[in-house]
Structure formats: C-alpha cells, structure tokens
Amino acid sequence: MNQDATTAAFYGGFCCGLSFVVFPILVFLVTTPWLKCFLSGAGVTALNILGMRLRGSPVGLLVDTQVALIHSGFQVNIRQVESAYLANRHRILQPGDLFEIVKEGLQKTESQPIWAKPIQAVSAVDPGATH
C-alpha cells in the first residue's frame, strides 16, 4: 500500500469510528426527552428538542414543566413553555418556578400570555416633529 492509501484508510476509519461514538450520543440526547413527552401525552417533536438543545435551553426542565402543566389540565405547547423560560430565566430559581410562571401567564389572559406580548418599537425620530 502506498502512503496516500494508508492515510485515506486511516481518516476513513477515524471518521467511521467517530460517527459510531457521536451519533448514539446525539440520538440519546434527543430520544430520551422525546420519549418522555410521547409517553406522557405531550406533543413535542424531535426537531423541537434538537432546536432547544441548539438554543441552549434546559430541555429537561422545559419538558418536565410541559408534562406537569398538561397533567394539571392546561393546554400548553413546548414553544410557550420555552418562551416563558426565555423571558423569565432570571426569575427561575427552582424547577417549580417555571411551572408557576407559565400557569400565571395562562390564567391572566387566555388569548395572549404575558410573555407573548409584542415589544414596543422605539424610534429615534419623533414622528410628530416637523423639520
């Protein structure tokens, strides 16, 4: 075997071995929370979980909160729970805090939760001023 074939075989084997290590870890990180939601009746897709992981959100906390809210009789999806977390992460000191924040938001206004209100745009130019 020449040098190029040996190098190619090494890199091919290395990439194959790395994929046998990394792929199961990724599958485990997505499948475990998805299975928990699926068995609990919470509608969460694997892409939602992957997106939460990529955004750096605590998937376990969000999934547990959604499952608890659904079992308490609230109709909430994972995006609402994650939005509440992102808007109030400074107020969450323990796992039950997120549950209370989402529940409070759902009870205040059924049509638009408090964390989903649009942010007012601030303009540097006064629209009433004449130039």
N, C-alpha and C. Protein backbone atom coordinates (compact mmCIF):
# COMPACT_ATOMS: atom_id res chain seq x y z
N MET A 1 0.85 -1.18 0.00
CA MET A 1 0.00 0.00 0.00
C MET A 1 0.88 1.23 0.00
N ASN A 2 0.48 2.21 -0.76
CA ASN A 2 1.26 3.44 -0.77
C ASN A 2 0.82 4.36 0.36
N GLN A 3 1.49 5.47 0.52
CA GLN A 3 1.26 6.40 1.61
C GLN A 3 -0.14 7.03 1.54
N ASP A 4 -0.60 7.39 0.35
CA ASP A 4 -1.91 8.03 0.19
C ASP A 4 -3.04 7.07 0.57
N ALA A 5 -2.92 5.84 0.20
CA ALA A 5 -3.96 4.86 0.52
C ALA A 5 -4.00 4.60 2.03
N THR A 6 -2.84 4.57 2.66
CA THR A 6 -2.78 4.37 4.11
C THR A 6 -3.41 5.54 4.85
N THR A 7 -3.10 6.75 4.41
CA THR A 7 -3.66 7.95 5.03
C THR A 7 -5.17 8.00 4.84
N ALA A 8 -5.64 7.68 3.64
CA ALA A 8 -7.07 7.68 3.36
C ALA A 8 -7.78 6.63 4.21
N ALA A 9 -7.18 5.46 4.36
CA ALA A 9 -7.78 4.41 5.19
C ALA A 9 -7.83 4.83 6.65
N PHE A 10 -6.78 5.51 7.11
CA PHE A 10 -6.76 5.98 8.50
C PHE A 10 -7.87 6.99 8.74
N TYR A 11 -7.98 8.00 7.86
CA TYR A 11 -9.01 9.02 8.04
C TYR A 11 -10.41 8.44 7.88
N GLY A 12 -10.58 7.51 6.97
CA GLY A 12 -11.87 6.86 6.81
C GLY A 12 -12.27 6.08 8.05
N GLY A 13 -11.32 5.34 8.60
CA GLY A 13 -11.59 4.60 9.83
C GLY A 13 -11.84 5.50 11.01
N PHE A 14 -11.09 6.60 11.07
CA PHE A 14 -11.27 7.57 12.16
C PHE A 14 -12.66 8.20 12.10
N CYS A 15 -13.09 8.62 10.92
CA CYS A 15 -14.41 9.24 10.76
C CYS A 15 -15.52 8.23 11.06
N CYS A 16 -15.33 7.01 10.64
CA CYS A 16 -16.32 5.97 10.90
C CYS A 16 -16.42 5.69 12.41
N GLY A 17 -15.29 5.57 13.05
CA GLY A 17 -15.27 5.34 14.49
C GLY A 17 -15.86 6.50 15.27
N LEU A 18 -15.55 7.71 14.83
CA LEU A 18 -16.10 8.90 15.48
C LEU A 18 -17.62 8.95 15.33
N SER A 19 -18.11 8.57 14.16
CA SER A 19 -19.55 8.58 13.96
C SER A 19 -20.24 7.52 14.82
N PHE A 20 -19.57 6.41 15.08
CA PHE A 20 -20.15 5.38 15.95
C PHE A 20 -20.20 5.83 17.40
N VAL A 21 -19.42 6.84 17.76
CA VAL A 21 -19.44 7.38 19.12
C VAL A 21 -20.39 8.57 19.22
N VAL A 22 -20.32 9.49 18.27
CA VAL A 22 -21.08 10.73 18.33
C VAL A 22 -22.56 10.50 18.02
N PHE A 23 -22.88 9.72 17.00
CA PHE A 23 -24.26 9.52 16.59
C PHE A 23 -25.13 8.94 17.71
N PRO A 24 -24.70 7.89 18.42
CA PRO A 24 -25.55 7.39 19.52
C PRO A 24 -25.75 8.40 20.64
N ILE A 25 -24.74 9.22 20.89
CA ILE A 25 -24.89 10.25 21.93
C ILE A 25 -25.96 11.25 21.50
N LEU A 26 -25.91 11.70 20.25
CA LEU A 26 -26.92 12.64 19.75
C LEU A 26 -28.31 12.03 19.77
N VAL A 27 -28.40 10.78 19.37
CA VAL A 27 -29.70 10.10 19.39
C VAL A 27 -30.22 10.00 20.82
N PHE A 28 -29.36 9.69 21.76
CA PHE A 28 -29.76 9.59 23.16
C PHE A 28 -30.23 10.93 23.71
N LEU A 29 -29.51 12.03 23.36
CA LEU A 29 -29.87 13.36 23.86
C LEU A 29 -31.21 13.84 23.33
N VAL A 30 -31.61 13.37 22.17
CA VAL A 30 -32.89 13.78 21.60
C VAL A 30 -34.00 12.77 21.92
N THR A 31 -33.67 11.50 21.89
CA THR A 31 -34.69 10.46 22.06
C THR A 31 -35.24 10.39 23.48
N THR A 32 -34.39 10.56 24.47
CA THR A 32 -34.85 10.43 25.86
C THR A 32 -35.93 11.45 26.22
N PRO A 33 -35.72 12.77 25.97
CA PRO A 33 -36.81 13.71 26.28
C PRO A 33 -38.04 13.51 25.38
N TRP A 34 -37.81 13.14 24.11
CA TRP A 34 -38.93 12.93 23.21
C TRP A 34 -39.78 11.76 23.70
N LEU A 35 -39.14 10.67 24.11
CA LEU A 35 -39.87 9.51 24.61
C LEU A 35 -40.66 9.86 25.87
N LYS A 36 -40.07 10.67 26.73
CA LYS A 36 -40.77 11.11 27.94
C LYS A 36 -42.03 11.89 27.58
N CYS A 37 -41.92 12.79 26.61
CA CYS A 37 -43.09 13.56 26.16
C CYS A 37 -44.12 12.67 25.48
N PHE A 38 -43.65 11.79 24.64
CA PHE A 38 -44.56 10.90 23.91
C PHE A 38 -45.36 10.03 24.87
N LEU A 39 -44.70 9.46 25.86
CA LEU A 39 -45.39 8.59 26.82
C LEU A 39 -46.29 9.37 27.77
N SER A 40 -46.03 10.66 27.93
CA SER A 40 -46.84 11.49 28.82
C SER A 40 -47.98 12.19 28.10
N GLY A 41 -48.01 12.11 26.78
CA GLY A 41 -49.08 12.74 26.03
C GLY A 41 -48.80 14.18 25.62
N ALA A 42 -47.57 14.64 25.81
CA ALA A 42 -47.20 15.99 25.40
C ALA A 42 -46.68 15.93 23.98
N GLY A 43 -47.21 16.78 23.13
CA GLY A 43 -46.81 16.76 21.73
C GLY A 43 -45.54 17.54 21.47
N VAL A 44 -44.41 16.87 21.49
CA VAL A 44 -43.13 17.51 21.21
C VAL A 44 -42.43 16.67 20.16
N THR A 45 -41.89 17.33 19.15
CA THR A 45 -41.18 16.60 18.10
C THR A 45 -39.69 16.56 18.42
N ALA A 46 -39.01 15.65 17.77
CA ALA A 46 -37.56 15.55 17.95
C ALA A 46 -36.88 16.81 17.45
N LEU A 47 -37.42 17.45 16.43
CA LEU A 47 -36.84 18.71 15.94
C LEU A 47 -36.99 19.83 16.96
N ASN A 48 -38.12 19.85 17.69
CA ASN A 48 -38.26 20.84 18.77
C ASN A 48 -37.18 20.64 19.82
N ILE A 49 -36.94 19.41 20.19
CA ILE A 49 -35.93 19.12 21.21
C ILE A 49 -34.54 19.47 20.70
N LEU A 50 -34.25 19.13 19.46
CA LEU A 50 -32.96 19.49 18.88
C LEU A 50 -32.79 21.00 18.84
N GLY A 51 -33.83 21.72 18.47
CA GLY A 51 -33.78 23.18 18.45
C GLY A 51 -33.54 23.76 19.83
N MET A 52 -34.20 23.21 20.85
CA MET A 52 -33.97 23.69 22.21
C MET A 52 -32.53 23.45 22.64
N ARG A 53 -31.99 22.29 22.29
CA ARG A 53 -30.59 21.99 22.63
C ARG A 53 -29.65 22.98 21.93
N LEU A 54 -29.92 23.29 20.66
CA LEU A 54 -29.07 24.22 19.93
C LEU A 54 -29.19 25.64 20.47
N ARG A 55 -30.37 26.01 20.99
CA ARG A 55 -30.55 27.34 21.58
C ARG A 55 -29.99 27.43 22.99
N GLY A 56 -29.63 26.29 23.56
CA GLY A 56 -29.05 26.29 24.90
C GLY A 56 -30.09 26.29 26.01
N SER A 57 -31.31 25.95 25.69
CA SER A 57 -32.36 25.89 26.71
C SER A 57 -32.27 24.57 27.46
N PRO A 58 -32.62 24.57 28.75
CA PRO A 58 -32.58 23.32 29.53
C PRO A 58 -33.75 22.42 29.16
N VAL A 59 -33.49 21.46 28.31
CA VAL A 59 -34.54 20.60 27.76
C VAL A 59 -35.28 19.85 28.86
N GLY A 60 -34.56 19.31 29.82
CA GLY A 60 -35.20 18.55 30.89
C GLY A 60 -36.19 19.39 31.68
N LEU A 61 -35.80 20.60 32.02
CA LEU A 61 -36.68 21.50 32.77
C LEU A 61 -37.92 21.85 31.96
N LEU A 62 -37.74 22.16 30.69
CA LEU A 62 -38.86 22.54 29.84
C LEU A 62 -39.82 21.38 29.61
N VAL A 63 -39.27 20.21 29.37
CA VAL A 63 -40.12 19.02 29.14
C VAL A 63 -40.87 18.66 30.41
N ASP A 64 -40.19 18.66 31.55
CA ASP A 64 -40.86 18.34 32.82
C ASP A 64 -41.98 19.34 33.12
N THR A 65 -41.72 20.62 32.84
CA THR A 65 -42.73 21.65 33.09
C THR A 65 -43.93 21.46 32.18
N GLN A 66 -43.69 21.17 30.91
CA GLN A 66 -44.81 20.98 29.99
C GLN A 66 -45.64 19.76 30.38
N VAL A 67 -44.98 18.68 30.73
CA VAL A 67 -45.71 17.47 31.15
C VAL A 67 -46.53 17.75 32.41
N ALA A 68 -45.96 18.47 33.37
CA ALA A 68 -46.69 18.79 34.59
C ALA A 68 -47.89 19.70 34.30
N LEU A 69 -47.71 20.67 33.40
CA LEU A 69 -48.83 21.55 33.05
C LEU A 69 -49.94 20.79 32.33
N ILE A 70 -49.58 19.90 31.44
CA ILE A 70 -50.60 19.13 30.72
C ILE A 70 -51.35 18.22 31.67
N HIS A 71 -50.64 17.61 32.60
CA HIS A 71 -51.30 16.73 33.56
C HIS A 71 -52.11 17.52 34.58
N SER A 72 -51.85 18.82 34.70
CA SER A 72 -52.65 19.68 35.58
C SER A 72 -53.87 20.25 34.87
N GLY A 73 -54.01 19.95 33.58
CA GLY A 73 -55.20 20.38 32.85
C GLY A 73 -55.01 21.60 31.96
N PHE A 74 -53.79 22.10 31.82
CA PHE A 74 -53.54 23.26 30.97
C PHE A 74 -53.17 22.80 29.57
N GLN A 75 -53.68 23.51 28.58
CA GLN A 75 -53.32 23.23 27.19
C GLN A 75 -52.17 24.16 26.82
N VAL A 76 -50.97 23.62 26.80
CA VAL A 76 -49.78 24.41 26.54
C VAL A 76 -48.85 23.61 25.65
N ASN A 77 -48.13 24.29 24.76
CA ASN A 77 -47.16 23.58 23.94
C ASN A 77 -45.75 23.96 24.38
N ILE A 78 -44.77 23.26 23.86
CA ILE A 78 -43.40 23.43 24.31
C ILE A 78 -42.86 24.81 23.93
N ARG A 79 -43.34 25.39 22.87
CA ARG A 79 -42.89 26.73 22.48
C ARG A 79 -43.33 27.78 23.49
N GLN A 80 -44.53 27.63 24.04
CA GLN A 80 -45.00 28.55 25.06
C GLN A 80 -44.16 28.42 26.33
N VAL A 81 -43.84 27.19 26.70
CA VAL A 81 -43.02 26.97 27.89
C VAL A 81 -41.62 27.54 27.69
N GLU A 82 -41.04 27.31 26.51
CA GLU A 82 -39.70 27.83 26.25
C GLU A 82 -39.71 29.36 26.18
N SER A 83 -40.75 29.95 25.61
CA SER A 83 -40.86 31.41 25.57
C SER A 83 -40.94 31.99 26.98
N ALA A 84 -41.71 31.34 27.83
CA ALA A 84 -41.81 31.80 29.22
C ALA A 84 -40.46 31.67 29.92
N TYR A 85 -39.74 30.60 29.64
CA TYR A 85 -38.42 30.43 30.23
C TYR A 85 -37.46 31.51 29.76
N LEU A 86 -37.43 31.76 28.46
CA LEU A 86 -36.50 32.74 27.92
C LEU A 86 -36.82 34.16 28.40
N ALA A 87 -38.10 34.46 28.59
CA ALA A 87 -38.48 35.79 29.06
C ALA A 87 -38.27 35.97 30.55
N ASN A 88 -38.24 34.88 31.30
CA ASN A 88 -38.18 34.98 32.77
C ASN A 88 -37.06 34.16 33.39
N ARG A 89 -36.02 33.89 32.65
CA ARG A 89 -34.98 32.99 33.17
C ARG A 89 -34.32 33.54 34.44
N HIS A 90 -34.33 34.85 34.63
CA HIS A 90 -33.75 35.44 35.83
C HIS A 90 -34.61 35.19 37.07
N ARG A 91 -35.89 34.88 36.88
CA ARG A 91 -36.80 34.62 38.00
C ARG A 91 -36.87 33.15 38.39
N ILE A 92 -36.28 32.27 37.61
CA ILE A 92 -36.40 30.83 37.84
C ILE A 92 -35.24 30.37 38.71
N LEU A 93 -35.55 30.06 39.96
CA LEU A 93 -34.53 29.60 40.90
C LEU A 93 -34.62 28.11 41.15
N GLN A 94 -35.80 27.54 40.96
CA GLN A 94 -36.00 26.12 41.15
C GLN A 94 -37.03 25.64 40.12
N PRO A 95 -37.12 24.34 39.90
CA PRO A 95 -37.97 23.83 38.82
C PRO A 95 -39.44 24.24 38.91
N GLY A 96 -39.98 24.38 40.10
CA GLY A 96 -41.39 24.75 40.24
C GLY A 96 -41.68 26.19 39.84
N ASP A 97 -40.66 27.02 39.79
CA ASP A 97 -40.86 28.42 39.43
C ASP A 97 -41.35 28.57 38.00
N LEU A 98 -40.80 27.81 37.08
CA LEU A 98 -41.24 27.89 35.69
C LEU A 98 -42.68 27.44 35.55
N PHE A 99 -43.06 26.41 36.29
CA PHE A 99 -44.44 25.94 36.28
C PHE A 99 -45.38 27.07 36.71
N GLU A 100 -45.03 27.76 37.78
CA GLU A 100 -45.86 28.85 38.29
C GLU A 100 -45.91 30.02 37.32
N ILE A 101 -44.79 30.33 36.68
CA ILE A 101 -44.75 31.45 35.72
C ILE A 101 -45.66 31.16 34.53
N VAL A 102 -45.56 29.96 33.99
CA VAL A 102 -46.40 29.60 32.83
C VAL A 102 -47.86 29.54 33.25
N LYS A 103 -48.15 28.95 34.39
CA LYS A 103 -49.53 28.85 34.87
C LYS A 103 -50.11 30.25 35.10
N GLU A 104 -49.33 31.14 35.67
CA GLU A 104 -49.78 32.51 35.90
C GLU A 104 -50.06 33.22 34.57
N GLY A 105 -49.19 33.01 33.61
CA GLY A 105 -49.39 33.62 32.30
C GLY A 105 -50.63 33.10 31.59
N LEU A 106 -50.89 31.81 31.74
CA LEU A 106 -52.08 31.22 31.10
C LEU A 106 -53.36 31.66 31.79
N GLN A 107 -53.32 31.86 33.10
CA GLN A 107 -54.52 32.25 33.83
C GLN A 107 -54.83 33.73 33.66
N LYS A 108 -53.80 34.57 33.49
CA LYS A 108 -54.06 36.01 33.34
C LYS A 108 -54.84 36.31 32.08
N THR A 109 -54.33 35.85 30.99
CA THR A 109 -55.02 36.08 29.72
C THR A 109 -54.97 34.80 28.91
N GLU A 110 -56.12 34.30 28.58
CA GLU A 110 -56.18 33.08 27.79
C GLU A 110 -55.82 33.35 26.33
N SER A 111 -56.09 34.57 25.85
CA SER A 111 -55.84 34.84 24.44
C SER A 111 -54.37 35.13 24.16
N GLN A 112 -53.70 35.85 25.05
CA GLN A 112 -52.31 36.20 24.80
C GLN A 112 -51.56 36.20 26.14
N PRO A 113 -50.72 35.21 26.39
CA PRO A 113 -49.98 35.15 27.65
C PRO A 113 -49.07 36.36 27.83
N ILE A 114 -48.72 36.66 29.06
CA ILE A 114 -47.95 37.87 29.35
C ILE A 114 -46.58 37.86 28.70
N TRP A 115 -46.00 36.69 28.46
CA TRP A 115 -44.67 36.66 27.86
C TRP A 115 -44.73 36.79 26.34
N ALA A 116 -45.92 36.70 25.76
CA ALA A 116 -46.03 36.75 24.31
C ALA A 116 -46.44 38.12 23.78
N LYS A 117 -46.56 39.11 24.66
CA LYS A 117 -46.94 40.44 24.20
C LYS A 117 -45.81 41.03 23.37
N PRO A 118 -46.15 41.72 22.28
CA PRO A 118 -45.10 42.27 21.43
C PRO A 118 -44.33 43.39 22.12
N ILE A 119 -43.09 43.51 21.75
CA ILE A 119 -42.23 44.56 22.29
C ILE A 119 -42.50 45.83 21.49
N GLN A 120 -42.64 46.95 22.19
CA GLN A 120 -42.87 48.22 21.53
C GLN A 120 -41.59 48.68 20.86
N ALA A 121 -41.69 49.04 19.60
CA ALA A 121 -40.52 49.54 18.87
C ALA A 121 -40.23 50.96 19.32
N VAL A 122 -38.96 51.25 19.54
CA VAL A 122 -38.53 52.58 19.94
C VAL A 122 -37.91 53.24 18.74
N SER A 123 -38.41 54.40 18.42
CA SER A 123 -37.91 55.12 17.26
C SER A 123 -37.05 56.28 17.73
N ALA A 124 -35.94 56.51 17.04
CA ALA A 124 -35.06 57.62 17.37
C ALA A 124 -35.61 58.93 16.83
N VAL A 125 -36.51 58.86 15.87
CA VAL A 125 -37.09 60.06 15.26
C VAL A 125 -38.50 60.23 15.78
N ASP A 126 -38.83 61.42 16.23
CA ASP A 126 -40.16 61.72 16.71
C ASP A 126 -41.08 61.90 15.51
N PRO A 127 -42.09 61.03 15.33
CA PRO A 127 -42.94 61.14 14.15
C PRO A 127 -43.77 62.42 14.13
N GLY A 128 -43.99 63.03 15.27
CA GLY A 128 -44.80 64.25 15.34
C GLY A 128 -44.00 65.51 15.08
N ALA A 129 -42.68 65.42 15.07
CA ALA A 129 -41.86 66.60 14.90
C ALA A 129 -41.78 66.98 13.43
N THR A 130 -41.77 68.27 13.18
CA THR A 130 -41.63 68.77 11.81
C THR A 130 -40.23 69.30 11.62
N HIS A 131 -39.66 69.06 10.47
CA HIS A 131 -38.29 69.50 10.22
C HIS A 131 -38.26 70.54 9.17
